[in-house]
Amino acid sequence: MNDLLAESKKLVGVVEGDSIPQEYIPKLIKYYQDGKFPLDKLIKVYDFQDINQAFADFKAGKVFKPIVKM
């Protein structure tokens, strides 16, 4: 812990991205529409029956955000 606090470093906790959703989400949508935010490369949709594969792919780093549809 001493290494973390040495040299004026600080530990900061953030809950849910520390953003204002009403401002941030429209910006993300605009970035996606402009081709500046590669959402399609960050997510993968899985059928509910493949939920174990979704967890395995996430754990292996194959997908950043697995989405399971029911």
PDB file of N, CA and C in Angstrom:
ATOM      1  N   MET A   1       0.822  -1.197   0.000  1.00  0.00           N
ATOM      2  CA  MET A   1       0.000   0.000   0.000  1.00  0.00           C
ATOM      3  C   MET A   1       0.861   1.253   0.000  1.00  0.00           C
ATOM      4  N   ASN A   2       2.031   1.191   0.632  1.00  0.00           N
ATOM      5  CA  ASN A   2       2.899   2.358   0.673  1.00  0.00           C
ATOM      6  C   ASN A   2       3.341   2.789  -0.719  1.00  0.00           C
ATOM      7  N   ASP A   3       3.583   1.813  -1.636  1.00  0.00           N
ATOM      8  CA  ASP A   3       3.974   2.159  -2.999  1.00  0.00           C
ATOM      9  C   ASP A   3       2.866   2.920  -3.715  1.00  0.00           C
ATOM     10  N   LEU A   4       1.625   2.550  -3.462  1.00  0.00           N
ATOM     11  CA  LEU A   4       0.493   3.211  -4.105  1.00  0.00           C
ATOM     12  C   LEU A   4       0.400   4.671  -3.681  1.00  0.00           C
ATOM     13  N   LEU A   5       0.663   4.951  -2.431  1.00  0.00           N
ATOM     14  CA  LEU A   5       0.494   6.303  -1.913  1.00  0.00           C
ATOM     15  C   LEU A   5       1.765   7.144  -1.995  1.00  0.00           C
ATOM     16  N   ALA A   6       2.866   6.538  -2.432  1.00  0.00           N
ATOM     17  CA  ALA A   6       4.113   7.287  -2.567  1.00  0.00           C
ATOM     18  C   ALA A   6       4.023   8.255  -3.741  1.00  0.00           C
ATOM     19  N   GLU A   7       4.835   9.263  -3.721  1.00  0.00           N
ATOM     20  CA  GLU A   7       4.948  10.219  -4.828  1.00  0.00           C
ATOM     21  C   GLU A   7       3.618  10.887  -5.175  1.00  0.00           C
ATOM     22  N   SER A   8       2.842  11.230  -4.202  1.00  0.00           N
ATOM     23  CA  SER A   8       1.578  11.968  -4.376  1.00  0.00           C
ATOM     24  C   SER A   8       0.537  11.231  -5.204  1.00  0.00           C
ATOM     25  N   LYS A   9       0.599   9.916  -5.255  1.00  0.00           N
ATOM     26  CA  LYS A   9      -0.433   9.148  -5.948  1.00  0.00           C
ATOM     27  C   LYS A   9      -1.656   9.080  -5.057  1.00  0.00           C
ATOM     28  N   LYS A  10      -2.827   8.875  -5.675  1.00  0.00           N
ATOM     29  CA  LYS A  10      -4.029   8.723  -4.877  1.00  0.00           C
ATOM     30  C   LYS A  10      -4.907   7.625  -5.443  1.00  0.00           C
ATOM     31  N   LEU A  11      -5.709   7.057  -4.603  1.00  0.00           N
ATOM     32  CA  LEU A  11      -6.631   5.999  -4.974  1.00  0.00           C
ATOM     33  C   LEU A  11      -8.023   6.612  -5.045  1.00  0.00           C
ATOM     34  N   VAL A  12      -8.695   6.445  -6.210  1.00  0.00           N
ATOM     35  CA  VAL A  12     -10.010   7.037  -6.414  1.00  0.00           C
ATOM     36  C   VAL A  12     -10.982   5.936  -6.838  1.00  0.00           C
ATOM     37  N   GLY A  13     -12.119   5.873  -6.191  1.00  0.00           N
ATOM     38  CA  GLY A  13     -13.153   4.929  -6.581  1.00  0.00           C
ATOM     39  C   GLY A  13     -14.176   5.625  -7.474  1.00  0.00           C
ATOM     40  N   VAL A  14     -14.633   4.911  -8.496  1.00  0.00           N
ATOM     41  CA  VAL A  14     -15.600   5.474  -9.429  1.00  0.00           C
ATOM     42  C   VAL A  14     -16.766   4.505  -9.549  1.00  0.00           C
ATOM     43  N   VAL A  15     -17.968   5.020  -9.449  1.00  0.00           N
ATOM     44  CA  VAL A  15     -19.168   4.208  -9.572  1.00  0.00           C
ATOM     45  C   VAL A  15     -19.853   4.552 -10.893  1.00  0.00           C
ATOM     46  N   GLU A  16     -20.077   3.533 -11.710  1.00  0.00           N
ATOM     47  CA  GLU A  16     -20.794   3.651 -12.980  1.00  0.00           C
ATOM     48  C   GLU A  16     -20.215   4.713 -13.900  1.00  0.00           C
ATOM     49  N   GLY A  17     -18.896   4.794 -13.980  1.00  0.00           N
ATOM     50  CA  GLY A  17     -18.260   5.644 -14.971  1.00  0.00           C
ATOM     51  C   GLY A  17     -18.158   7.107 -14.623  1.00  0.00           C
ATOM     52  N   ASP A  18     -18.773   7.549 -13.539  1.00  0.00           N
ATOM     53  CA  ASP A  18     -18.688   8.943 -13.112  1.00  0.00           C
ATOM     54  C   ASP A  18     -19.052   9.902 -14.250  1.00  0.00           C
ATOM     55  N   SER A  19     -20.150   9.631 -14.941  1.00  0.00           N
ATOM     56  CA  SER A  19     -20.592  10.483 -16.045  1.00  0.00           C
ATOM     57  C   SER A  19     -22.072  10.836 -15.869  1.00  0.00           C
ATOM     58  N   ILE A  20     -22.523  11.770 -16.676  1.00  0.00           N
ATOM     59  CA  ILE A  20     -23.936  12.156 -16.697  1.00  0.00           C
ATOM     60  C   ILE A  20     -24.561  11.464 -17.910  1.00  0.00           C
ATOM     61  N   PRO A  21     -25.350  10.399 -17.686  1.00  0.00           N
ATOM     62  CA  PRO A  21     -25.868   9.608 -18.801  1.00  0.00           C
ATOM     63  C   PRO A  21     -26.610  10.419 -19.862  1.00  0.00           C
ATOM     64  N   GLN A  22     -27.359  11.441 -19.442  1.00  0.00           N
ATOM     65  CA  GLN A  22     -28.123  12.248 -20.397  1.00  0.00           C
ATOM     66  C   GLN A  22     -27.200  12.984 -21.378  1.00  0.00           C
ATOM     67  N   GLU A  23     -25.960  13.213 -20.983  1.00  0.00           N
ATOM     68  CA  GLU A  23     -24.994  13.870 -21.874  1.00  0.00           C
ATOM     69  C   GLU A  23     -24.098  12.847 -22.571  1.00  0.00           C
ATOM     70  N   TYR A  24     -23.663  11.857 -21.816  1.00  0.00           N
ATOM     71  CA  TYR A  24     -22.654  10.927 -22.299  1.00  0.00           C
ATOM     72  C   TYR A  24     -23.202   9.957 -23.351  1.00  0.00           C
ATOM     73  N   ILE A  25     -24.388   9.404 -23.139  1.00  0.00           N
ATOM     74  CA  ILE A  25     -24.940   8.416 -24.066  1.00  0.00           C
ATOM     75  C   ILE A  25     -25.195   9.026 -25.449  1.00  0.00           C
ATOM     76  N   PRO A  26     -25.795  10.216 -25.554  1.00  0.00           N
ATOM     77  CA  PRO A  26     -25.930  10.802 -26.891  1.00  0.00           C
ATOM     78  C   PRO A  26     -24.580  11.032 -27.587  1.00  0.00           C
ATOM     79  N   LYS A  27     -23.539  11.366 -26.827  1.00  0.00           N
ATOM     80  CA  LYS A  27     -22.204  11.524 -27.422  1.00  0.00           C
ATOM     81  C   LYS A  27     -21.697  10.193 -27.956  1.00  0.00           C
ATOM     82  N   LEU A  28     -21.887   9.119 -27.181  1.00  0.00           N
ATOM     83  CA  LEU A  28     -21.455   7.801 -27.642  1.00  0.00           C
ATOM     84  C   LEU A  28     -22.193   7.386 -28.911  1.00  0.00           C
ATOM     85  N   ILE A  29     -23.489   7.670 -28.961  1.00  0.00           N
ATOM     86  CA  ILE A  29     -24.282   7.341 -30.154  1.00  0.00           C
ATOM     87  C   ILE A  29     -23.759   8.111 -31.360  1.00  0.00           C
ATOM     88  N   LYS A  30     -23.464   9.381 -31.177  1.00  0.00           N
ATOM     89  CA  LYS A  30     -22.928  10.212 -32.271  1.00  0.00           C
ATOM     90  C   LYS A  30     -21.570   9.689 -32.725  1.00  0.00           C
ATOM     91  N   TYR A  31     -20.705   9.342 -31.773  1.00  0.00           N
ATOM     92  CA  TYR A  31     -19.398   8.784 -32.130  1.00  0.00           C
ATOM     93  C   TYR A  31     -19.565   7.496 -32.931  1.00  0.00           C
ATOM     94  N   TYR A  32     -20.521   6.647 -32.507  1.00  0.00           N
ATOM     95  CA  TYR A  32     -20.785   5.400 -33.230  1.00  0.00           C
ATOM     96  C   TYR A  32     -21.270   5.688 -34.648  1.00  0.00           C
ATOM     97  N   GLN A  33     -22.198   6.613 -34.791  1.00  0.00           N
ATOM     98  CA  GLN A  33     -22.731   6.959 -36.105  1.00  0.00           C
ATOM     99  C   GLN A  33     -21.650   7.548 -37.016  1.00  0.00           C
ATOM    100  N   ASP A  34     -20.698   8.259 -36.422  1.00  0.00           N
ATOM    101  CA  ASP A  34     -19.607   8.864 -37.189  1.00  0.00           C
ATOM    102  C   ASP A  34     -18.457   7.891 -37.440  1.00  0.00           C
ATOM    103  N   GLY A  35     -18.582   6.660 -36.941  1.00  0.00           N
ATOM    104  CA  GLY A  35     -17.538   5.663 -37.134  1.00  0.00           C
ATOM    105  C   GLY A  35     -16.341   5.842 -36.211  1.00  0.00           C
ATOM    106  N   LYS A  36     -16.527   6.589 -35.127  1.00  0.00           N
ATOM    107  CA  LYS A  36     -15.426   6.859 -34.197  1.00  0.00           C
ATOM    108  C   LYS A  36     -15.463   5.981 -32.949  1.00  0.00           C
ATOM    109  N   PHE A  37     -16.518   5.204 -32.780  1.00  0.00           N
ATOM    110  CA  PHE A  37     -16.664   4.337 -31.608  1.00  0.00           C
ATOM    111  C   PHE A  37     -17.031   2.940 -32.101  1.00  0.00           C
ATOM    112  N   PRO A  38     -16.087   1.984 -32.067  1.00  0.00           N
ATOM    113  CA  PRO A  38     -16.303   0.658 -32.661  1.00  0.00           C
ATOM    114  C   PRO A  38     -17.125  -0.280 -31.769  1.00  0.00           C
ATOM    115  N   LEU A  39     -18.346   0.084 -31.503  1.00  0.00           N
ATOM    116  CA  LEU A  39     -19.200  -0.714 -30.624  1.00  0.00           C
ATOM    117  C   LEU A  39     -19.306  -2.160 -31.105  1.00  0.00           C
ATOM    118  N   ASP A  40     -19.402  -2.349 -32.407  1.00  0.00           N
ATOM    119  CA  ASP A  40     -19.563  -3.698 -32.962  1.00  0.00           C
ATOM    120  C   ASP A  40     -18.373  -4.601 -32.634  1.00  0.00           C
ATOM    121  N   LYS A  41     -17.211  -4.016 -32.425  1.00  0.00           N
ATOM    122  CA  LYS A  41     -16.022  -4.805 -32.095  1.00  0.00           C
ATOM    123  C   LYS A  41     -15.925  -5.083 -30.590  1.00  0.00           C
ATOM    124  N   LEU A  42     -16.686  -4.374 -29.787  1.00  0.00           N
ATOM    125  CA  LEU A  42     -16.611  -4.511 -28.337  1.00  0.00           C
ATOM    126  C   LEU A  42     -17.643  -5.476 -27.777  1.00  0.00           C
ATOM    127  N   ILE A  43     -18.733  -5.700 -28.504  1.00  0.00           N
ATOM    128  CA  ILE A  43     -19.814  -6.549 -27.996  1.00  0.00           C
ATOM    129  C   ILE A  43     -19.976  -7.804 -28.839  1.00  0.00           C
ATOM    130  N   LYS A  44     -20.597  -8.795 -28.256  1.00  0.00           N
ATOM    131  CA  LYS A  44     -21.017  -9.987 -28.976  1.00  0.00           C
ATOM    132  C   LYS A  44     -22.304 -10.464 -28.330  1.00  0.00           C
ATOM    133  N   VAL A  45     -23.292 -10.779 -29.152  1.00  0.00           N
ATOM    134  CA  VAL A  45     -24.597 -11.215 -28.655  1.00  0.00           C
ATOM    135  C   VAL A  45     -24.655 -12.743 -28.675  1.00  0.00           C
ATOM    136  N   TYR A  46     -25.084 -13.290 -27.553  1.00  0.00           N
ATOM    137  CA  TYR A  46     -25.215 -14.740 -27.390  1.00  0.00           C
ATOM    138  C   TYR A  46     -26.665 -15.074 -27.102  1.00  0.00           C
ATOM    139  N   ASP A  47     -27.129 -16.215 -27.618  1.00  0.00           N
ATOM    140  CA  ASP A  47     -28.428 -16.741 -27.210  1.00  0.00           C
ATOM    141  C   ASP A  47     -28.318 -17.220 -25.767  1.00  0.00           C
ATOM    142  N   PHE A  48     -29.436 -17.201 -25.053  1.00  0.00           N
ATOM    143  CA  PHE A  48     -29.421 -17.587 -23.645  1.00  0.00           C
ATOM    144  C   PHE A  48     -28.845 -18.980 -23.434  1.00  0.00           C
ATOM    145  N   GLN A  49     -29.120 -19.876 -24.372  1.00  0.00           N
ATOM    146  CA  GLN A  49     -28.611 -21.247 -24.234  1.00  0.00           C
ATOM    147  C   GLN A  49     -27.078 -21.302 -24.279  1.00  0.00           C
ATOM    148  N   ASP A  50     -26.441 -20.238 -24.767  1.00  0.00           N
ATOM    149  CA  ASP A  50     -24.984 -20.175 -24.864  1.00  0.00           C
ATOM    150  C   ASP A  50     -24.361 -19.301 -23.774  1.00  0.00           C
ATOM    151  N   ILE A  51     -25.059 -19.136 -22.666  1.00  0.00           N
ATOM    152  CA  ILE A  51     -24.585 -18.254 -21.598  1.00  0.00           C
ATOM    153  C   ILE A  51     -23.226 -18.696 -21.048  1.00  0.00           C
ATOM    154  N   ASN A  52     -23.003 -19.998 -20.949  1.00  0.00           N
ATOM    155  CA  ASN A  52     -21.699 -20.462 -20.452  1.00  0.00           C
ATOM    156  C   ASN A  52     -20.576 -20.089 -21.411  1.00  0.00           C
ATOM    157  N   GLN A  53     -20.844 -20.142 -22.695  1.00  0.00           N
ATOM    158  CA  GLN A  53     -19.848 -19.735 -23.684  1.00  0.00           C
ATOM    159  C   GLN A  53     -19.584 -18.236 -23.585  1.00  0.00           C
ATOM    160  N   ALA A  54     -20.619 -17.460 -23.318  1.00  0.00           N
ATOM    161  CA  ALA A  54     -20.457 -16.010 -23.155  1.00  0.00           C
ATOM    162  C   ALA A  54     -19.513 -15.709 -22.000  1.00  0.00           C
ATOM    163  N   PHE A  55     -19.712 -16.387 -20.870  1.00  0.00           N
ATOM    164  CA  PHE A  55     -18.821 -16.199 -19.722  1.00  0.00           C
ATOM    165  C   PHE A  55     -17.400 -16.643 -20.052  1.00  0.00           C
ATOM    166  N   ALA A  56     -17.267 -17.775 -20.731  1.00  0.00           N
ATOM    167  CA  ALA A  56     -15.936 -18.297 -21.074  1.00  0.00           C
ATOM    168  C   ALA A  56     -15.206 -17.347 -22.017  1.00  0.00           C
ATOM    169  N   ASP A  57     -15.910 -16.812 -23.012  1.00  0.00           N
ATOM    170  CA  ASP A  57     -15.294 -15.881 -23.959  1.00  0.00           C
ATOM    171  C   ASP A  57     -14.863 -14.593 -23.267  1.00  0.00           C
ATOM    172  N   PHE A  58     -15.681 -14.128 -22.327  1.00  0.00           N
ATOM    173  CA  PHE A  58     -15.326 -12.923 -21.575  1.00  0.00           C
ATOM    174  C   PHE A  58     -14.081 -13.175 -20.730  1.00  0.00           C
ATOM    175  N   LYS A  59     -14.077 -14.297 -20.038  1.00  0.00           N
ATOM    176  CA  LYS A  59     -12.941 -14.625 -19.175  1.00  0.00           C
ATOM    177  C   LYS A  59     -11.657 -14.797 -19.985  1.00  0.00           C
ATOM    178  N   ALA A  60     -11.778 -15.324 -21.195  1.00  0.00           N
ATOM    179  CA  ALA A  60     -10.610 -15.539 -22.063  1.00  0.00           C
ATOM    180  C   ALA A  60     -10.191 -14.262 -22.795  1.00  0.00           C
ATOM    181  N   GLY A  61     -10.979 -13.196 -22.646  1.00  0.00           N
ATOM    182  CA  GLY A  61     -10.649 -11.942 -23.310  1.00  0.00           C
ATOM    183  C   GLY A  61     -11.045 -11.902 -24.779  1.00  0.00           C
ATOM    184  N   LYS A  62     -11.916 -12.802 -25.205  1.00  0.00           N
ATOM    185  CA  LYS A  62     -12.359 -12.831 -26.603  1.00  0.00           C
ATOM    186  C   LYS A  62     -13.419 -11.785 -26.894  1.00  0.00           C
ATOM    187  N   VAL A  63     -14.101 -11.333 -25.858  1.00  0.00           N
ATOM    188  CA  VAL A  63     -15.149 -10.318 -26.017  1.00  0.00           C
ATOM    189  C   VAL A  63     -15.086  -9.385 -24.811  1.00  0.00           C
ATOM    190  N   PHE A  64     -15.298  -8.096 -25.078  1.00  0.00           N
ATOM    191  CA  PHE A  64     -15.247  -7.099 -24.016  1.00  0.00           C
ATOM    192  C   PHE A  64     -16.565  -7.033 -23.249  1.00  0.00           C
ATOM    193  N   LYS A  65     -17.691  -7.128 -23.992  1.00  0.00           N
ATOM    194  CA  LYS A  65     -19.013  -7.022 -23.369  1.00  0.00           C
ATOM    195  C   LYS A  65     -19.930  -8.064 -23.987  1.00  0.00           C
ATOM    196  N   PRO A  66     -20.067  -9.231 -23.348  1.00  0.00           N
ATOM    197  CA  PRO A  66     -21.018 -10.218 -23.869  1.00  0.00           C
ATOM    198  C   PRO A  66     -22.456  -9.794 -23.513  1.00  0.00           C
ATOM    199  N   ILE A  67     -23.344  -9.950 -24.478  1.00  0.00           N
ATOM    200  CA  ILE A  67     -24.752  -9.637 -24.267  1.00  0.00           C
ATOM    201  C   ILE A  67     -25.540 -10.920 -24.476  1.00  0.00           C
ATOM    202  N   VAL A  68     -26.313 -11.311 -23.480  1.00  0.00           N
ATOM    203  CA  VAL A  68     -27.098 -12.542 -23.562  1.00  0.00           C
ATOM    204  C   VAL A  68     -28.550 -12.165 -23.788  1.00  0.00           C
ATOM    205  N   LYS A  69     -29.100 -12.636 -24.897  1.00  0.00           N
ATOM    206  CA  LYS A  69     -30.511 -12.323 -25.182  1.00  0.00           C
ATOM    207  C   LYS A  69     -31.387 -13.495 -24.794  1.00  0.00           C
ATOM    208  N   MET A  70     -32.551 -13.150 -24.244  1.00  0.00           N
ATOM    209  CA  MET A  70     -33.479 -14.177 -23.796  1.00  0.00           C
ATOM    210  C   MET A  70     -34.626 -14.299 -24.781  1.00  0.00           C
TER     211      MET A  70
END
